[in-house]
């Protein structure tokens, strides 16, 4: 996509007020190295326990089957939800394989996926959602405007590719064939500033 942009616009936030959506073209960061170990440590904290519980509660209010967790962090949700998982970090992939829980949703159908702080990292999330049969669960930063986004601690070029307002994200999911079933601020209430959680169900596509 960046090769179609004018010089100077390939490493900045491109924002549409109409769509409530921003995109940053910086090449994605390298997820190798101690990334998985860092999130294992975070998962082992009281906050990690509370976040996992809030996320599992959200899923179980809507779906009782097995989910595929996209971008597994330290793997705690995978284990407590009895989920499968997908990641690009080599250590996380090795761990999933050791647990016999690795599942590639780009190659196979997934009835439900969870994207806890991961969808905004994915270069082409539309391709991922095209393989999802029924449920999409997400937690992610939500912004009031472009100015709010640029001032936010969640503005992380090279790590976060996609940036949405609330209306923008709901509209984007609708264009992928998913309708909003629940929205909550459970993670923000636990201390994660600006994070909103969603449950979407497929309606078409």
N, C-alpha and C. Protein backbone atom coordinates (compact mmCIF):
# COMPACT_ATOMS: atom_id res chain seq x y z
N UNK A 1 0.83 -1.21 0.00
CA UNK A 1 0.00 0.00 0.00
C UNK A 1 0.86 1.25 0.00
N UNK A 2 1.97 1.25 0.74
CA UNK A 2 2.75 2.47 0.86
C UNK A 2 3.37 2.91 -0.46
N UNK A 3 3.61 1.97 -1.39
CA UNK A 3 4.23 2.38 -2.65
C UNK A 3 3.28 3.19 -3.52
N UNK A 4 2.00 3.27 -3.15
CA UNK A 4 1.04 4.08 -3.90
C UNK A 4 0.86 5.46 -3.29
N UNK A 5 1.56 5.74 -2.19
CA UNK A 5 1.41 7.01 -1.50
C UNK A 5 2.45 8.01 -1.96
N UNK A 6 2.13 9.32 -1.92
CA UNK A 6 3.13 10.33 -2.23
C UNK A 6 4.28 10.28 -1.24
N UNK A 7 5.46 10.72 -1.68
CA UNK A 7 6.62 10.80 -0.80
C UNK A 7 6.28 11.65 0.41
N UNK A 8 6.67 11.20 1.58
CA UNK A 8 6.40 11.93 2.81
C UNK A 8 5.17 11.45 3.56
N UNK A 9 4.34 10.60 2.93
CA UNK A 9 3.13 10.11 3.60
C UNK A 9 3.23 8.63 3.94
N UNK A 10 4.41 8.06 3.81
CA UNK A 10 4.55 6.62 4.08
C UNK A 10 4.95 6.34 5.52
N UNK A 11 5.25 7.38 6.31
CA UNK A 11 5.61 7.18 7.70
C UNK A 11 4.93 8.23 8.57
N UNK A 12 3.60 8.26 8.46
CA UNK A 12 2.82 9.18 9.26
C UNK A 12 1.43 8.60 9.43
N UNK A 13 0.66 9.18 10.32
CA UNK A 13 -0.72 8.74 10.54
C UNK A 13 -1.62 9.34 9.47
N UNK A 14 -2.25 8.48 8.70
CA UNK A 14 -3.27 8.91 7.73
C UNK A 14 -4.63 8.70 8.38
N UNK A 15 -5.44 9.75 8.46
CA UNK A 15 -6.67 9.70 9.26
C UNK A 15 -7.87 10.15 8.44
N UNK A 16 -8.98 9.41 8.57
CA UNK A 16 -10.24 9.78 7.94
C UNK A 16 -11.26 10.10 9.02
N UNK A 17 -11.68 11.37 9.11
CA UNK A 17 -12.76 11.72 10.04
C UNK A 17 -14.06 11.04 9.63
N UNK A 18 -14.27 10.90 8.34
CA UNK A 18 -15.50 10.28 7.85
C UNK A 18 -15.63 8.84 8.34
N UNK A 19 -14.52 8.10 8.32
CA UNK A 19 -14.55 6.70 8.73
C UNK A 19 -14.17 6.50 10.20
N UNK A 20 -13.67 7.55 10.85
CA UNK A 20 -13.21 7.38 12.23
C UNK A 20 -12.09 6.38 12.33
N UNK A 21 -11.16 6.47 11.40
CA UNK A 21 -10.14 5.43 11.26
C UNK A 21 -8.82 6.05 10.83
N UNK A 22 -7.74 5.62 11.48
CA UNK A 22 -6.40 6.04 11.10
C UNK A 22 -5.52 4.84 10.84
N UNK A 23 -4.54 5.03 9.97
CA UNK A 23 -3.62 3.96 9.57
C UNK A 23 -2.21 4.54 9.52
N UNK A 24 -1.25 3.81 10.07
CA UNK A 24 0.13 4.25 10.03
C UNK A 24 0.95 3.26 9.21
N UNK A 25 1.71 3.78 8.26
CA UNK A 25 2.39 2.93 7.29
C UNK A 25 3.78 2.49 7.66
N UNK A 26 4.26 2.79 8.88
CA UNK A 26 5.60 2.34 9.25
C UNK A 26 5.65 0.80 9.25
N UNK A 27 6.73 0.20 8.76
CA UNK A 27 6.82 -1.27 8.75
C UNK A 27 6.62 -1.84 10.15
N UNK A 28 5.90 -2.96 10.25
CA UNK A 28 5.64 -3.55 11.57
C UNK A 28 6.92 -3.90 12.31
N UNK A 29 6.86 -3.79 13.62
CA UNK A 29 8.01 -4.10 14.47
C UNK A 29 8.35 -5.59 14.40
N UNK A 30 9.53 -5.91 14.87
CA UNK A 30 10.00 -7.29 14.98
C UNK A 30 9.50 -7.87 16.30
N UNK A 31 8.72 -8.94 16.23
CA UNK A 31 8.14 -9.53 17.43
C UNK A 31 8.97 -10.69 17.98
N UNK A 32 10.20 -10.84 17.52
CA UNK A 32 11.06 -11.89 18.06
C UNK A 32 11.72 -11.39 19.35
N UNK A 33 12.58 -12.22 19.93
CA UNK A 33 13.27 -11.82 21.15
C UNK A 33 12.43 -12.07 22.39
N UNK A 34 12.60 -11.23 23.44
CA UNK A 34 12.00 -11.52 24.74
C UNK A 34 10.53 -11.11 24.86
N UNK A 35 9.85 -10.93 23.74
CA UNK A 35 8.46 -10.45 23.75
C UNK A 35 7.56 -11.38 24.56
N UNK A 36 7.66 -12.69 24.31
CA UNK A 36 6.80 -13.66 24.99
C UNK A 36 7.12 -13.72 26.48
N UNK A 37 8.40 -13.72 26.83
CA UNK A 37 8.80 -13.78 28.24
C UNK A 37 8.29 -12.56 29.00
N UNK A 38 8.32 -11.40 28.37
CA UNK A 38 7.80 -10.19 29.01
C UNK A 38 6.33 -10.35 29.37
N UNK A 39 5.55 -10.88 28.44
CA UNK A 39 4.11 -11.01 28.69
C UNK A 39 3.79 -12.17 29.62
N UNK A 40 4.65 -13.17 29.69
CA UNK A 40 4.47 -14.20 30.72
C UNK A 40 4.60 -13.59 32.11
N UNK A 41 5.56 -12.67 32.28
CA UNK A 41 5.72 -11.99 33.55
C UNK A 41 4.50 -11.14 33.88
N UNK A 42 3.98 -10.43 32.88
CA UNK A 42 2.80 -9.60 33.10
C UNK A 42 1.57 -10.46 33.41
N UNK A 43 1.45 -11.59 32.74
CA UNK A 43 0.33 -12.50 32.99
C UNK A 43 0.32 -13.00 34.43
N UNK A 44 1.49 -13.10 35.04
CA UNK A 44 1.61 -13.67 36.39
C UNK A 44 1.29 -12.66 37.49
N UNK A 45 0.99 -11.40 37.13
CA UNK A 45 0.69 -10.37 38.12
C UNK A 45 -0.79 -10.37 38.47
N UNK A 46 -1.18 -9.71 39.57
CA UNK A 46 -2.61 -9.57 39.88
C UNK A 46 -3.39 -8.91 38.73
N UNK A 47 -2.78 -7.93 38.06
CA UNK A 47 -3.46 -7.32 36.91
C UNK A 47 -3.67 -8.34 35.81
N UNK A 48 -2.67 -9.18 35.55
CA UNK A 48 -2.82 -10.22 34.54
C UNK A 48 -3.95 -11.16 34.87
N UNK A 49 -4.07 -11.51 36.14
CA UNK A 49 -5.17 -12.38 36.57
C UNK A 49 -6.52 -11.71 36.36
N UNK A 50 -6.62 -10.44 36.75
CA UNK A 50 -7.89 -9.72 36.63
C UNK A 50 -8.28 -9.52 35.17
N UNK A 51 -7.32 -9.19 34.31
CA UNK A 51 -7.62 -9.01 32.89
C UNK A 51 -8.08 -10.32 32.26
N UNK A 52 -7.41 -11.40 32.60
CA UNK A 52 -7.80 -12.71 32.05
C UNK A 52 -9.23 -13.05 32.46
N UNK A 53 -9.57 -12.79 33.71
CA UNK A 53 -10.93 -13.07 34.19
C UNK A 53 -11.95 -12.21 33.46
N UNK A 54 -11.68 -10.91 33.28
CA UNK A 54 -12.61 -10.03 32.58
C UNK A 54 -12.81 -10.48 31.14
N UNK A 55 -11.74 -10.90 30.50
CA UNK A 55 -11.82 -11.34 29.11
C UNK A 55 -12.58 -12.65 28.98
N UNK A 56 -12.31 -13.57 29.89
CA UNK A 56 -13.02 -14.84 29.86
C UNK A 56 -14.49 -14.65 30.16
N UNK A 57 -14.82 -13.76 31.08
CA UNK A 57 -16.23 -13.48 31.38
C UNK A 57 -16.95 -12.92 30.16
N UNK A 58 -16.28 -12.01 29.44
CA UNK A 58 -16.89 -11.45 28.23
C UNK A 58 -17.19 -12.55 27.22
N UNK A 59 -16.22 -13.41 26.96
CA UNK A 59 -16.42 -14.49 25.99
C UNK A 59 -17.56 -15.40 26.42
N UNK A 60 -17.56 -15.83 27.68
CA UNK A 60 -18.52 -16.83 28.12
C UNK A 60 -19.94 -16.28 28.23
N UNK A 61 -20.10 -14.98 28.28
CA UNK A 61 -21.46 -14.42 28.22
C UNK A 61 -22.10 -14.65 26.86
N UNK A 62 -21.28 -14.93 25.84
CA UNK A 62 -21.80 -15.03 24.48
C UNK A 62 -21.53 -16.37 23.81
N UNK A 63 -20.43 -17.03 24.15
CA UNK A 63 -19.99 -18.20 23.38
C UNK A 63 -19.38 -19.23 24.32
N UNK A 64 -19.86 -20.47 24.20
CA UNK A 64 -19.38 -21.51 25.09
C UNK A 64 -18.37 -22.46 24.48
N UNK A 65 -18.03 -22.25 23.21
CA UNK A 65 -17.12 -23.16 22.53
C UNK A 65 -15.66 -22.73 22.66
N UNK A 66 -14.83 -23.35 21.86
CA UNK A 66 -13.39 -23.07 21.89
C UNK A 66 -13.06 -21.90 20.98
N UNK A 67 -12.29 -20.96 21.49
CA UNK A 67 -11.87 -19.79 20.71
C UNK A 67 -10.41 -19.97 20.29
N UNK A 68 -10.01 -19.17 19.31
CA UNK A 68 -8.61 -19.07 18.92
C UNK A 68 -8.13 -17.68 19.34
N UNK A 69 -7.15 -17.64 20.23
CA UNK A 69 -6.62 -16.37 20.73
C UNK A 69 -5.53 -15.89 19.79
N UNK A 70 -5.71 -14.70 19.25
CA UNK A 70 -4.78 -14.14 18.26
C UNK A 70 -3.82 -13.19 18.96
N UNK A 71 -2.52 -13.55 18.96
CA UNK A 71 -1.55 -12.75 19.71
C UNK A 71 -1.70 -13.06 21.18
N UNK A 72 -1.06 -14.12 21.65
CA UNK A 72 -1.43 -14.74 22.93
C UNK A 72 -0.83 -14.05 24.16
N UNK A 73 -0.06 -12.98 23.98
CA UNK A 73 0.57 -12.38 25.15
C UNK A 73 1.50 -13.38 25.81
N UNK A 74 1.24 -13.68 27.08
CA UNK A 74 2.02 -14.69 27.79
C UNK A 74 1.37 -16.05 27.86
N UNK A 75 0.21 -16.20 27.24
CA UNK A 75 -0.46 -17.49 27.15
C UNK A 75 -1.45 -17.81 28.26
N UNK A 76 -1.62 -16.90 29.22
CA UNK A 76 -2.52 -17.21 30.34
C UNK A 76 -3.96 -17.38 29.88
N UNK A 77 -4.44 -16.49 29.00
CA UNK A 77 -5.82 -16.63 28.53
C UNK A 77 -6.00 -17.95 27.80
N UNK A 78 -5.04 -18.34 26.98
CA UNK A 78 -5.13 -19.61 26.26
C UNK A 78 -5.38 -20.77 27.22
N UNK A 79 -4.63 -20.81 28.31
CA UNK A 79 -4.75 -21.91 29.25
C UNK A 79 -6.06 -21.84 30.04
N UNK A 80 -6.41 -20.66 30.55
CA UNK A 80 -7.60 -20.56 31.38
C UNK A 80 -8.88 -20.69 30.59
N UNK A 81 -8.84 -20.33 29.31
CA UNK A 81 -10.01 -20.46 28.45
C UNK A 81 -10.06 -21.80 27.73
N UNK A 82 -9.02 -22.62 27.91
CA UNK A 82 -8.89 -23.87 27.16
C UNK A 82 -9.00 -23.58 25.66
N UNK A 83 -8.24 -22.57 25.23
CA UNK A 83 -8.31 -22.06 23.86
C UNK A 83 -7.16 -22.60 23.02
N UNK A 84 -7.30 -22.43 21.73
CA UNK A 84 -6.20 -22.57 20.80
C UNK A 84 -5.58 -21.18 20.65
N UNK A 85 -4.42 -21.09 19.98
CA UNK A 85 -3.78 -19.80 19.86
C UNK A 85 -2.97 -19.66 18.59
N UNK A 86 -2.75 -18.40 18.20
CA UNK A 86 -1.94 -18.06 17.04
C UNK A 86 -1.08 -16.86 17.39
N UNK A 87 0.19 -16.90 16.97
CA UNK A 87 1.10 -15.80 17.25
C UNK A 87 2.18 -15.77 16.18
N UNK A 88 2.92 -14.65 16.13
CA UNK A 88 4.05 -14.54 15.21
C UNK A 88 5.38 -14.56 15.94
N UNK A 89 5.35 -14.48 17.26
CA UNK A 89 6.58 -14.55 18.04
C UNK A 89 7.06 -16.00 18.10
N UNK A 90 8.31 -16.28 17.72
CA UNK A 90 8.77 -17.67 17.66
C UNK A 90 8.65 -18.42 18.99
N UNK A 91 8.95 -17.74 20.12
CA UNK A 91 8.85 -18.39 21.41
C UNK A 91 7.40 -18.72 21.75
N UNK A 92 6.49 -17.81 21.40
CA UNK A 92 5.07 -18.08 21.64
C UNK A 92 4.58 -19.24 20.78
N UNK A 93 5.03 -19.29 19.54
CA UNK A 93 4.64 -20.39 18.64
C UNK A 93 5.17 -21.71 19.18
N UNK A 94 6.42 -21.72 19.65
CA UNK A 94 6.99 -22.95 20.22
C UNK A 94 6.21 -23.39 21.44
N UNK A 95 5.83 -22.44 22.29
CA UNK A 95 5.04 -22.77 23.48
C UNK A 95 3.68 -23.35 23.10
N UNK A 96 3.03 -22.73 22.13
CA UNK A 96 1.74 -23.25 21.67
C UNK A 96 1.87 -24.66 21.12
N UNK A 97 2.92 -24.89 20.35
CA UNK A 97 3.13 -26.24 19.81
C UNK A 97 3.39 -27.25 20.93
N UNK A 98 4.15 -26.84 21.95
CA UNK A 98 4.41 -27.72 23.08
C UNK A 98 3.11 -28.08 23.82
N UNK A 99 2.20 -27.11 23.86
CA UNK A 99 0.92 -27.32 24.53
C UNK A 99 -0.13 -27.97 23.61
N UNK A 100 0.27 -28.21 22.37
CA UNK A 100 -0.64 -28.73 21.33
C UNK A 100 -1.85 -27.81 21.17
N UNK A 101 -1.56 -26.51 21.16
CA UNK A 101 -2.64 -25.51 21.06
C UNK A 101 -2.42 -24.53 19.90
N UNK A 102 -1.45 -24.78 19.04
CA UNK A 102 -1.22 -23.88 17.91
C UNK A 102 -2.29 -24.11 16.84
N UNK A 103 -2.85 -23.00 16.33
CA UNK A 103 -3.90 -23.09 15.30
C UNK A 103 -3.78 -21.87 14.40
N UNK A 104 -3.63 -22.09 13.11
CA UNK A 104 -3.47 -21.00 12.16
C UNK A 104 -4.83 -20.65 11.54
N UNK A 105 -5.45 -19.55 11.95
CA UNK A 105 -6.78 -19.22 11.42
C UNK A 105 -6.74 -18.72 9.98
N UNK A 106 -5.55 -18.40 9.47
CA UNK A 106 -5.45 -18.01 8.07
C UNK A 106 -5.54 -19.21 7.14
N UNK A 107 -5.25 -20.39 7.68
CA UNK A 107 -5.29 -21.62 6.90
C UNK A 107 -6.54 -22.44 7.18
N UNK A 108 -7.20 -22.18 8.30
CA UNK A 108 -8.34 -22.98 8.71
C UNK A 108 -9.45 -22.07 9.22
N UNK A 109 -10.66 -22.58 9.23
CA UNK A 109 -11.82 -21.87 9.76
C UNK A 109 -11.73 -21.76 11.28
N UNK A 110 -12.14 -20.64 11.83
CA UNK A 110 -12.26 -20.48 13.28
C UNK A 110 -13.67 -19.99 13.59
N UNK A 111 -14.35 -20.68 14.47
CA UNK A 111 -15.71 -20.27 14.81
C UNK A 111 -15.71 -18.96 15.60
N UNK A 112 -14.70 -18.78 16.44
CA UNK A 112 -14.60 -17.56 17.25
C UNK A 112 -13.14 -17.25 17.50
N UNK A 113 -12.80 -15.96 17.47
CA UNK A 113 -11.44 -15.54 17.80
C UNK A 113 -11.48 -14.45 18.86
N UNK A 114 -10.40 -14.36 19.61
CA UNK A 114 -10.20 -13.27 20.56
C UNK A 114 -8.97 -12.48 20.14
N UNK A 115 -9.08 -11.18 20.18
CA UNK A 115 -7.97 -10.29 19.84
C UNK A 115 -7.77 -9.30 20.98
N UNK A 116 -7.07 -9.75 22.00
CA UNK A 116 -6.80 -8.89 23.16
C UNK A 116 -5.54 -8.08 22.87
N UNK A 117 -5.72 -6.81 22.57
CA UNK A 117 -4.59 -5.92 22.25
C UNK A 117 -3.79 -6.43 21.05
N UNK A 118 -4.46 -6.99 20.06
CA UNK A 118 -3.70 -7.53 18.93
C UNK A 118 -4.23 -7.09 17.57
N UNK A 119 -5.52 -6.84 17.43
CA UNK A 119 -6.06 -6.55 16.11
C UNK A 119 -5.41 -5.31 15.50
N UNK A 120 -5.11 -4.31 16.35
CA UNK A 120 -4.52 -3.07 15.85
C UNK A 120 -3.09 -3.26 15.37
N UNK A 121 -2.48 -4.42 15.67
CA UNK A 121 -1.12 -4.73 15.24
C UNK A 121 -1.08 -5.42 13.87
N UNK A 122 -2.19 -5.96 13.40
CA UNK A 122 -2.21 -6.86 12.26
C UNK A 122 -2.27 -6.06 10.95
N UNK A 123 -1.33 -6.26 10.02
CA UNK A 123 -1.32 -5.44 8.80
C UNK A 123 -2.63 -5.49 8.01
N UNK A 124 -3.21 -6.67 7.84
CA UNK A 124 -4.45 -6.80 7.06
C UNK A 124 -5.47 -7.62 7.85
N UNK A 125 -6.09 -7.03 8.87
CA UNK A 125 -7.02 -7.79 9.70
C UNK A 125 -8.26 -8.29 8.96
N UNK A 126 -8.57 -7.66 7.83
CA UNK A 126 -9.72 -8.13 7.04
C UNK A 126 -9.52 -9.58 6.61
N UNK A 127 -8.30 -9.95 6.29
CA UNK A 127 -8.02 -11.33 5.87
C UNK A 127 -8.27 -12.30 7.01
N UNK A 128 -7.90 -11.89 8.23
CA UNK A 128 -8.14 -12.73 9.39
C UNK A 128 -9.63 -12.93 9.60
N UNK A 129 -10.39 -11.84 9.57
CA UNK A 129 -11.81 -11.94 9.86
C UNK A 129 -12.58 -12.72 8.80
N UNK A 130 -12.04 -12.81 7.60
CA UNK A 130 -12.73 -13.56 6.56
C UNK A 130 -12.78 -15.05 6.87
N UNK A 131 -11.95 -15.51 7.82
CA UNK A 131 -11.93 -16.93 8.20
C UNK A 131 -12.71 -17.20 9.49
N UNK A 132 -13.36 -16.18 10.03
CA UNK A 132 -14.07 -16.31 11.31
C UNK A 132 -15.55 -16.55 11.05
N UNK A 133 -16.08 -17.63 11.65
CA UNK A 133 -17.45 -18.02 11.36
C UNK A 133 -18.52 -17.27 12.12
N UNK A 134 -18.28 -16.98 13.41
CA UNK A 134 -19.39 -16.43 14.20
C UNK A 134 -19.01 -15.29 15.13
N UNK A 135 -17.99 -15.46 15.99
CA UNK A 135 -17.74 -14.48 17.05
C UNK A 135 -16.35 -13.85 16.95
N UNK A 136 -16.33 -12.54 17.23
CA UNK A 136 -15.10 -11.77 17.32
C UNK A 136 -15.12 -11.02 18.64
N UNK A 137 -14.12 -11.27 19.48
CA UNK A 137 -13.97 -10.57 20.75
C UNK A 137 -12.68 -9.75 20.71
N UNK A 138 -12.77 -8.49 21.11
CA UNK A 138 -11.65 -7.57 20.95
C UNK A 138 -11.51 -6.69 22.19
N UNK A 139 -10.27 -6.43 22.59
CA UNK A 139 -9.98 -5.28 23.45
C UNK A 139 -8.92 -4.46 22.73
N UNK A 140 -9.09 -3.13 22.76
CA UNK A 140 -8.15 -2.28 22.04
C UNK A 140 -8.31 -0.83 22.47
N UNK A 141 -7.31 0.02 22.20
CA UNK A 141 -7.47 1.45 22.46
C UNK A 141 -8.50 2.06 21.50
N UNK A 142 -9.29 2.97 22.03
CA UNK A 142 -10.27 3.70 21.22
C UNK A 142 -10.01 5.19 21.43
N UNK A 143 -10.11 5.97 20.36
CA UNK A 143 -9.74 7.38 20.39
C UNK A 143 -10.95 8.26 20.09
N UNK A 144 -10.92 9.48 20.60
CA UNK A 144 -11.99 10.43 20.34
C UNK A 144 -11.84 11.11 18.98
N UNK A 145 -10.60 11.26 18.52
CA UNK A 145 -10.32 12.02 17.31
C UNK A 145 -8.87 11.77 16.91
N UNK A 146 -8.48 12.34 15.77
CA UNK A 146 -7.09 12.25 15.35
C UNK A 146 -6.17 12.94 16.36
N UNK A 147 -6.57 14.11 16.84
CA UNK A 147 -5.73 14.83 17.81
C UNK A 147 -5.56 14.02 19.08
N UNK A 148 -6.64 13.41 19.55
CA UNK A 148 -6.57 12.56 20.74
C UNK A 148 -5.64 11.38 20.51
N UNK A 149 -5.72 10.79 19.33
CA UNK A 149 -4.86 9.66 18.99
C UNK A 149 -3.40 10.06 19.04
N UNK A 150 -3.05 11.18 18.42
CA UNK A 150 -1.65 11.61 18.35
C UNK A 150 -1.07 11.93 19.72
N UNK A 151 -1.94 12.30 20.67
CA UNK A 151 -1.49 12.63 22.02
C UNK A 151 -1.51 11.43 22.96
N UNK A 152 -2.06 10.32 22.50
CA UNK A 152 -2.28 9.17 23.37
C UNK A 152 -1.01 8.35 23.58
N UNK A 153 -0.90 7.73 24.74
CA UNK A 153 0.21 6.80 25.00
C UNK A 153 0.09 5.55 24.14
N UNK A 154 -1.09 5.33 23.58
CA UNK A 154 -1.30 4.16 22.72
C UNK A 154 -0.92 4.42 21.26
N UNK A 155 -0.51 5.64 20.95
CA UNK A 155 -0.03 5.93 19.60
C UNK A 155 1.39 5.40 19.48
N UNK A 156 1.55 4.28 18.80
CA UNK A 156 2.83 3.56 18.74
C UNK A 156 3.12 3.14 17.30
N UNK A 157 3.57 4.05 16.46
CA UNK A 157 3.89 3.70 15.07
C UNK A 157 4.87 2.53 14.99
N UNK A 158 4.60 1.62 14.08
CA UNK A 158 5.41 0.43 13.94
C UNK A 158 4.93 -0.72 14.79
N UNK A 159 4.21 -0.41 15.86
CA UNK A 159 3.58 -1.45 16.69
C UNK A 159 2.08 -1.46 16.45
N UNK A 160 1.44 -0.31 16.65
CA UNK A 160 0.02 -0.18 16.33
C UNK A 160 -0.11 0.40 14.92
N UNK A 161 -0.77 -0.35 14.07
CA UNK A 161 -0.96 0.07 12.68
C UNK A 161 -2.29 0.78 12.51
N UNK A 162 -3.35 0.30 13.19
CA UNK A 162 -4.71 0.79 13.01
C UNK A 162 -5.19 1.55 14.25
N UNK A 163 -5.92 2.64 14.03
CA UNK A 163 -6.40 3.50 15.09
C UNK A 163 -7.86 3.86 14.78
N UNK A 164 -8.75 3.68 15.77
CA UNK A 164 -10.17 3.86 15.53
C UNK A 164 -10.83 4.73 16.60
N UNK A 165 -11.85 5.49 16.18
CA UNK A 165 -12.84 6.00 17.11
C UNK A 165 -13.82 4.87 17.40
N UNK A 166 -14.70 5.08 18.38
CA UNK A 166 -15.69 4.06 18.70
C UNK A 166 -16.60 3.80 17.50
N UNK A 167 -17.15 4.86 16.93
CA UNK A 167 -18.01 4.70 15.77
C UNK A 167 -17.24 4.11 14.60
N UNK A 168 -15.99 4.51 14.46
CA UNK A 168 -15.18 4.00 13.36
C UNK A 168 -14.93 2.52 13.46
N UNK A 169 -14.65 2.02 14.67
CA UNK A 169 -14.38 0.59 14.81
C UNK A 169 -15.64 -0.24 14.62
N UNK A 170 -16.74 0.21 15.19
CA UNK A 170 -18.00 -0.52 15.01
C UNK A 170 -18.36 -0.56 13.53
N UNK A 171 -18.19 0.56 12.84
CA UNK A 171 -18.48 0.61 11.40
C UNK A 171 -17.55 -0.28 10.60
N UNK A 172 -16.27 -0.30 10.97
CA UNK A 172 -15.32 -1.17 10.27
C UNK A 172 -15.71 -2.64 10.43
N UNK A 173 -16.07 -3.03 11.66
CA UNK A 173 -16.49 -4.42 11.88
C UNK A 173 -17.76 -4.75 11.10
N UNK A 174 -18.68 -3.80 11.03
CA UNK A 174 -19.90 -4.03 10.26
C UNK A 174 -19.57 -4.28 8.79
N UNK A 175 -18.58 -3.58 8.27
CA UNK A 175 -18.20 -3.79 6.87
C UNK A 175 -17.54 -5.15 6.68
N UNK A 176 -17.03 -5.75 7.75
CA UNK A 176 -16.47 -7.10 7.66
C UNK A 176 -17.54 -8.16 7.89
N UNK A 177 -18.78 -7.73 8.20
CA UNK A 177 -19.88 -8.66 8.38
C UNK A 177 -20.22 -8.97 9.82
N UNK A 178 -19.77 -8.12 10.79
CA UNK A 178 -19.98 -8.38 12.20
C UNK A 178 -20.77 -7.26 12.86
N UNK A 179 -21.77 -7.63 13.67
CA UNK A 179 -22.60 -6.66 14.39
C UNK A 179 -22.21 -6.64 15.86
N UNK A 180 -22.26 -5.46 16.45
CA UNK A 180 -21.90 -5.29 17.85
C UNK A 180 -22.95 -5.91 18.76
N UNK A 181 -22.48 -6.78 19.67
CA UNK A 181 -23.36 -7.42 20.65
C UNK A 181 -23.13 -6.89 22.06
N UNK A 182 -21.90 -6.48 22.38
CA UNK A 182 -21.61 -5.94 23.70
C UNK A 182 -20.40 -5.03 23.62
N UNK A 183 -20.43 -3.99 24.42
CA UNK A 183 -19.28 -3.10 24.59
C UNK A 183 -19.15 -2.83 26.08
N UNK A 184 -17.94 -2.84 26.61
CA UNK A 184 -17.75 -2.51 28.02
C UNK A 184 -16.39 -1.87 28.25
N UNK A 185 -16.24 -1.31 29.42
CA UNK A 185 -15.01 -0.63 29.82
C UNK A 185 -14.31 -1.36 30.96
N UNK A 186 -14.50 -2.68 31.02
CA UNK A 186 -13.97 -3.46 32.14
C UNK A 186 -12.46 -3.29 32.30
N UNK A 187 -11.73 -3.27 31.19
CA UNK A 187 -10.28 -3.17 31.30
C UNK A 187 -9.83 -1.78 31.73
N UNK A 188 -10.53 -0.75 31.27
CA UNK A 188 -10.24 0.60 31.74
C UNK A 188 -10.54 0.72 33.23
N UNK A 189 -11.62 0.08 33.67
CA UNK A 189 -11.98 0.12 35.10
C UNK A 189 -10.95 -0.59 35.95
N UNK A 190 -10.23 -1.55 35.36
CA UNK A 190 -9.16 -2.24 36.08
C UNK A 190 -7.85 -1.44 36.07
N UNK A 191 -7.83 -0.33 35.32
CA UNK A 191 -6.65 0.53 35.33
C UNK A 191 -5.96 0.70 33.99
N UNK A 192 -6.51 0.09 32.92
CA UNK A 192 -5.91 0.23 31.59
C UNK A 192 -6.58 1.39 30.86
N UNK A 193 -6.00 2.54 30.94
CA UNK A 193 -6.61 3.77 30.43
C UNK A 193 -6.88 3.68 28.93
N UNK A 194 -8.13 3.96 28.55
CA UNK A 194 -8.48 4.08 27.13
C UNK A 194 -8.74 2.79 26.41
N UNK A 195 -8.85 1.66 27.13
CA UNK A 195 -9.07 0.37 26.49
C UNK A 195 -10.56 0.01 26.57
N UNK A 196 -11.14 -0.35 25.43
CA UNK A 196 -12.54 -0.75 25.34
C UNK A 196 -12.61 -2.19 24.87
N UNK A 197 -13.58 -2.93 25.37
CA UNK A 197 -13.77 -4.33 25.00
C UNK A 197 -15.08 -4.51 24.25
N UNK A 198 -15.07 -5.45 23.29
CA UNK A 198 -16.20 -5.64 22.38
C UNK A 198 -16.49 -7.12 22.18
N UNK A 199 -17.76 -7.41 21.92
CA UNK A 199 -18.17 -8.71 21.37
C UNK A 199 -18.97 -8.43 20.12
N UNK A 200 -18.57 -9.05 19.00
CA UNK A 200 -19.26 -8.93 17.72
C UNK A 200 -19.68 -10.32 17.25
N UNK A 201 -20.82 -10.36 16.56
CA UNK A 201 -21.30 -11.62 15.99
C UNK A 201 -21.50 -11.46 14.49
N UNK A 202 -21.13 -12.47 13.75
CA UNK A 202 -21.25 -12.39 12.29
C UNK A 202 -22.71 -12.35 11.87
N UNK A 203 -22.99 -11.45 10.96
CA UNK A 203 -24.34 -11.34 10.40
C UNK A 203 -24.38 -11.69 8.92
N UNK A 204 -23.25 -11.52 8.23
CA UNK A 204 -23.19 -11.83 6.80
C UNK A 204 -21.73 -11.92 6.38
N UNK A 205 -21.52 -12.32 5.13
CA UNK A 205 -20.17 -12.35 4.59
C UNK A 205 -19.54 -13.71 4.73
